[in-house]
C-alpha cells in the first residue's frame, strides 16, 4: 500500500510525500525474500536520493535491481533499470545509462515500460551524439500509444498528464 502511495505521489509531483511513502514501503524489505513492492520502493527512494546528489542513492538502486533479478521479477527489474539509467543520465554518464538499458528484454515488458526504456535509451544516445536517438523516440511514442489504448477513454487524459509520461507523449514521430 505504501509503495502505491509513493508512486501516486511521485506521479503527481509530490516528491516529499513520495519519499515518505517509499521509505515506509522499503522498510518492509527485511530478509532475503522481500516483497517485490518493497524492492521497487527502495529503488525509488534511492533514485530520489541520487537525484539529490546522495551517493548511497545509486547504490540502493543497484542493490534493488540485483534483488529483483534474484527474485526473477523481470518487470520490476526493468522498472529499476530505467530508474538507474535516469540517474546515470542525471550524472552525465550516458554510456553507463545505455549499458544498464542494454540488459532489458523489451518484448516481455508492458507497452508503458517499453516506452520508458526506449525514451531513456534515446536520451542516452542523444547525450552521446545529438539526434542519434530518433528511432528509439519513435518506438517510445508508439509504445506509449499502445499503452494508452489499454486505458479507459475517460481516464486517458489523466493518464497522459502524469509528469513521467509528458516528455514521452511529446516525442516527434
Protein backbone atom coordinates (compact mmCIF):
# COMPACT_ATOMS: atom_id res chain seq x y z
CA UNK A 1 0.00 0.00 0.00
CA UNK A 2 2.78 2.46 0.91
CA UNK A 3 4.62 1.73 -2.37
CA UNK A 4 1.46 2.55 -4.32
CA UNK A 5 1.01 5.77 -2.34
CA UNK A 6 4.62 6.64 -3.16
CA UNK A 7 4.14 6.05 -6.88
CA UNK A 8 0.96 8.10 -6.88
CA UNK A 9 2.58 10.97 -5.00
CA UNK A 10 5.59 10.88 -7.33
CA UNK A 11 3.33 10.87 -10.40
CA UNK A 12 1.61 13.96 -9.01
CA UNK A 13 4.91 15.73 -8.40
CA UNK A 14 4.74 15.50 -4.60
CA UNK A 15 8.30 14.33 -4.00
CA UNK A 16 8.36 14.82 -0.22
CA UNK A 17 5.20 12.74 0.18
CA UNK A 18 6.56 10.14 -2.25
CA UNK A 19 9.83 9.90 -0.34
CA UNK A 20 7.99 9.23 2.94
CA UNK A 21 5.80 6.53 1.38
CA UNK A 22 8.74 4.86 -0.39
CA UNK A 23 10.72 4.90 2.86
CA UNK A 24 7.83 3.23 4.66
CA UNK A 25 7.47 0.55 1.97
CA UNK A 26 11.19 -0.08 1.68
CA UNK A 27 11.42 -0.85 5.43
CA UNK A 28 9.41 -4.00 4.68
CA UNK A 29 12.48 -5.42 2.91
CA UNK A 30 13.91 -7.19 5.89
CA UNK A 31 15.01 -10.60 4.63
CA UNK A 32 16.36 -12.40 1.58
CA UNK A 33 12.90 -12.85 0.05
CA UNK A 34 11.29 -9.41 0.24
CA UNK A 35 8.04 -8.40 -1.36
CA UNK A 36 8.61 -7.02 -4.88
CA UNK A 37 6.87 -3.76 -3.95
CA UNK A 38 9.39 -3.12 -1.16
CA UNK A 39 12.28 -3.75 -3.57
CA UNK A 40 10.87 -1.30 -6.09
CA UNK A 41 10.13 1.21 -3.32
CA UNK A 42 13.75 1.06 -2.14
CA UNK A 43 14.86 1.66 -5.73
CA UNK A 44 12.58 4.71 -5.97
CA UNK A 45 13.89 6.01 -2.67
CA UNK A 46 17.44 5.52 -3.93
CA UNK A 47 16.52 7.26 -7.16
CA UNK A 48 15.23 10.29 -5.27
CA UNK A 49 18.36 10.29 -3.10
CA UNK A 50 20.54 10.03 -6.20
CA UNK A 51 18.81 12.97 -7.85
CA UNK A 52 19.61 14.99 -4.74
CA UNK A 53 23.28 14.03 -5.00
CA UNK A 54 23.38 11.44 -2.23
CA UNK A 55 25.87 8.74 -3.23
CA UNK A 56 24.05 5.99 -1.34
CA UNK A 57 21.06 6.53 -3.63
CA UNK A 58 22.69 4.99 -6.69
CA UNK A 59 23.89 2.04 -4.61
CA UNK A 60 20.36 1.44 -3.29
CA UNK A 61 19.05 1.36 -6.86
CA UNK A 62 21.76 -1.11 -7.92
CA UNK A 63 21.06 -3.38 -4.93
CA UNK A 64 17.34 -3.26 -5.69
CA UNK A 65 17.99 -4.15 -9.33
CA UNK A 66 20.13 -7.11 -8.26
CA UNK A 67 17.44 -8.28 -5.82
CA UNK A 68 14.74 -8.06 -8.49
CA UNK A 69 16.95 -10.17 -10.74
CA UNK A 70 17.47 -12.78 -7.99
CA UNK A 71 13.70 -12.84 -7.44
CA UNK A 72 13.18 -13.35 -11.18
CA UNK A 73 10.85 -10.37 -11.45
CA UNK A 74 11.66 -9.01 -14.94
CA UNK A 75 9.14 -6.16 -14.90
CA UNK A 76 10.37 -4.93 -11.52
CA UNK A 77 13.97 -5.27 -12.66
CA UNK A 78 13.17 -3.35 -15.86
CA UNK A 79 11.47 -0.52 -13.96
CA UNK A 80 14.51 -0.30 -11.69
CA UNK A 81 16.90 -0.36 -14.65
CA UNK A 82 15.04 2.63 -16.08
CA UNK A 83 15.49 4.45 -12.77
CA UNK A 84 19.20 3.63 -12.75
CA UNK A 85 19.59 4.79 -16.37
CA UNK A 86 17.91 8.06 -15.43
CA UNK A 87 20.36 8.50 -12.56
CA UNK A 88 23.28 7.81 -14.88
CA UNK A 89 21.98 10.43 -17.30
CA UNK A 90 21.48 12.88 -14.44
CA UNK A 91 25.15 12.33 -13.57
CA UNK A 92 26.09 12.85 -17.24
CA UNK A 93 27.10 9.22 -17.80
CA UNK A 94 25.18 8.29 -20.97
CA UNK A 95 27.39 5.27 -21.77
CA UNK A 96 26.53 3.75 -18.38
CA UNK A 97 22.84 4.51 -18.95
CA UNK A 98 22.96 2.63 -22.25
CA UNK A 99 24.73 -0.29 -20.59
CA UNK A 100 22.04 -0.50 -17.90
CA UNK A 101 19.27 -0.50 -20.52
CA UNK A 102 21.05 -2.96 -22.82
CA UNK A 103 20.21 -5.77 -20.40
CA UNK A 104 16.47 -5.43 -20.95
CA UNK A 105 14.32 -7.89 -22.86
CA UNK A 106 11.80 -5.37 -24.17
CA UNK A 107 9.42 -7.84 -25.79
CA UNK A 108 8.30 -9.21 -22.41
CA UNK A 109 7.50 -5.78 -20.93
CA UNK A 110 4.28 -3.80 -20.83
CA UNK A 111 3.91 -1.11 -23.51
CA UNK A 112 4.38 1.63 -20.89
CA UNK A 113 7.60 0.11 -19.57
CA UNK A 114 8.80 -0.41 -23.16
CA UNK A 115 8.09 3.27 -23.82
CA UNK A 116 10.13 4.30 -20.81
CA UNK A 117 13.06 2.10 -21.81
CA UNK A 118 13.01 3.39 -25.40
CA UNK A 119 12.66 7.00 -24.28
CA UNK A 120 15.56 6.91 -21.82
CA UNK A 121 17.70 4.99 -24.30
CA UNK A 122 17.02 7.77 -26.82
CA UNK A 123 18.00 10.37 -24.22
CA UNK A 124 21.26 8.50 -23.55
CA UNK A 125 22.04 8.17 -27.25
CA UNK A 126 21.32 11.84 -27.84
CA UNK A 127 23.59 12.73 -24.91
CA UNK A 128 26.41 10.85 -26.61
CA UNK A 129 25.66 12.03 -30.12
CA UNK A 130 22.92 14.61 -30.80
CA UNK A 131 19.93 13.35 -32.80
CA UNK A 132 21.02 9.70 -32.67
CA UNK A 133 18.01 8.62 -30.61
CA UNK A 134 15.31 9.35 -33.19
CA UNK A 135 14.42 5.69 -33.82
CA UNK A 136 14.11 4.99 -30.10
CA UNK A 137 11.94 8.09 -29.68
CA UNK A 138 9.59 6.83 -32.37
CA UNK A 139 9.45 3.44 -30.65
CA UNK A 140 8.78 5.17 -27.33
CA UNK A 141 5.92 7.13 -28.84
CA UNK A 142 4.40 4.04 -30.46
CA UNK A 143 4.70 2.04 -27.23
CA UNK A 144 3.10 4.84 -25.28
CA UNK A 145 0.23 4.98 -27.76
CA UNK A 146 -0.26 1.20 -27.29
CA UNK A 147 -0.22 1.68 -23.52
CA UNK A 148 -2.85 4.40 -23.81
CA UNK A 149 -5.14 2.08 -25.76
CA UNK A 150 -5.42 -0.10 -22.64
CA UNK A 151 -6.57 2.86 -20.52
CA UNK A 152 -10.33 3.55 -20.45
CA UNK A 153 -11.20 6.54 -22.63
CA UNK A 154 -12.46 8.61 -19.70
CA UNK A 155 -9.08 8.18 -17.90
CA UNK A 156 -6.69 8.74 -20.82
CA UNK A 157 -6.26 12.47 -20.31
CA UNK A 158 -5.41 11.90 -16.67
CA UNK A 159 -3.07 9.03 -17.58
CA UNK A 160 -1.13 11.08 -20.12
CA UNK A 161 -0.94 14.04 -17.72
CA UNK A 162 1.49 12.11 -15.50
CA UNK A 163 4.79 14.02 -15.45
CA UNK A 164 6.81 10.89 -16.22
CA UNK A 165 4.77 10.37 -19.41
CA UNK A 166 4.57 14.02 -20.51
CA UNK A 167 8.01 14.11 -22.14
CA UNK A 168 7.39 10.80 -23.92
CA UNK A 169 3.99 11.81 -25.23
CA UNK A 170 5.50 14.91 -26.84
CA UNK A 171 8.05 12.88 -28.83
CA UNK A 172 8.27 13.67 -32.53
CA UNK A 173 7.03 10.83 -34.69
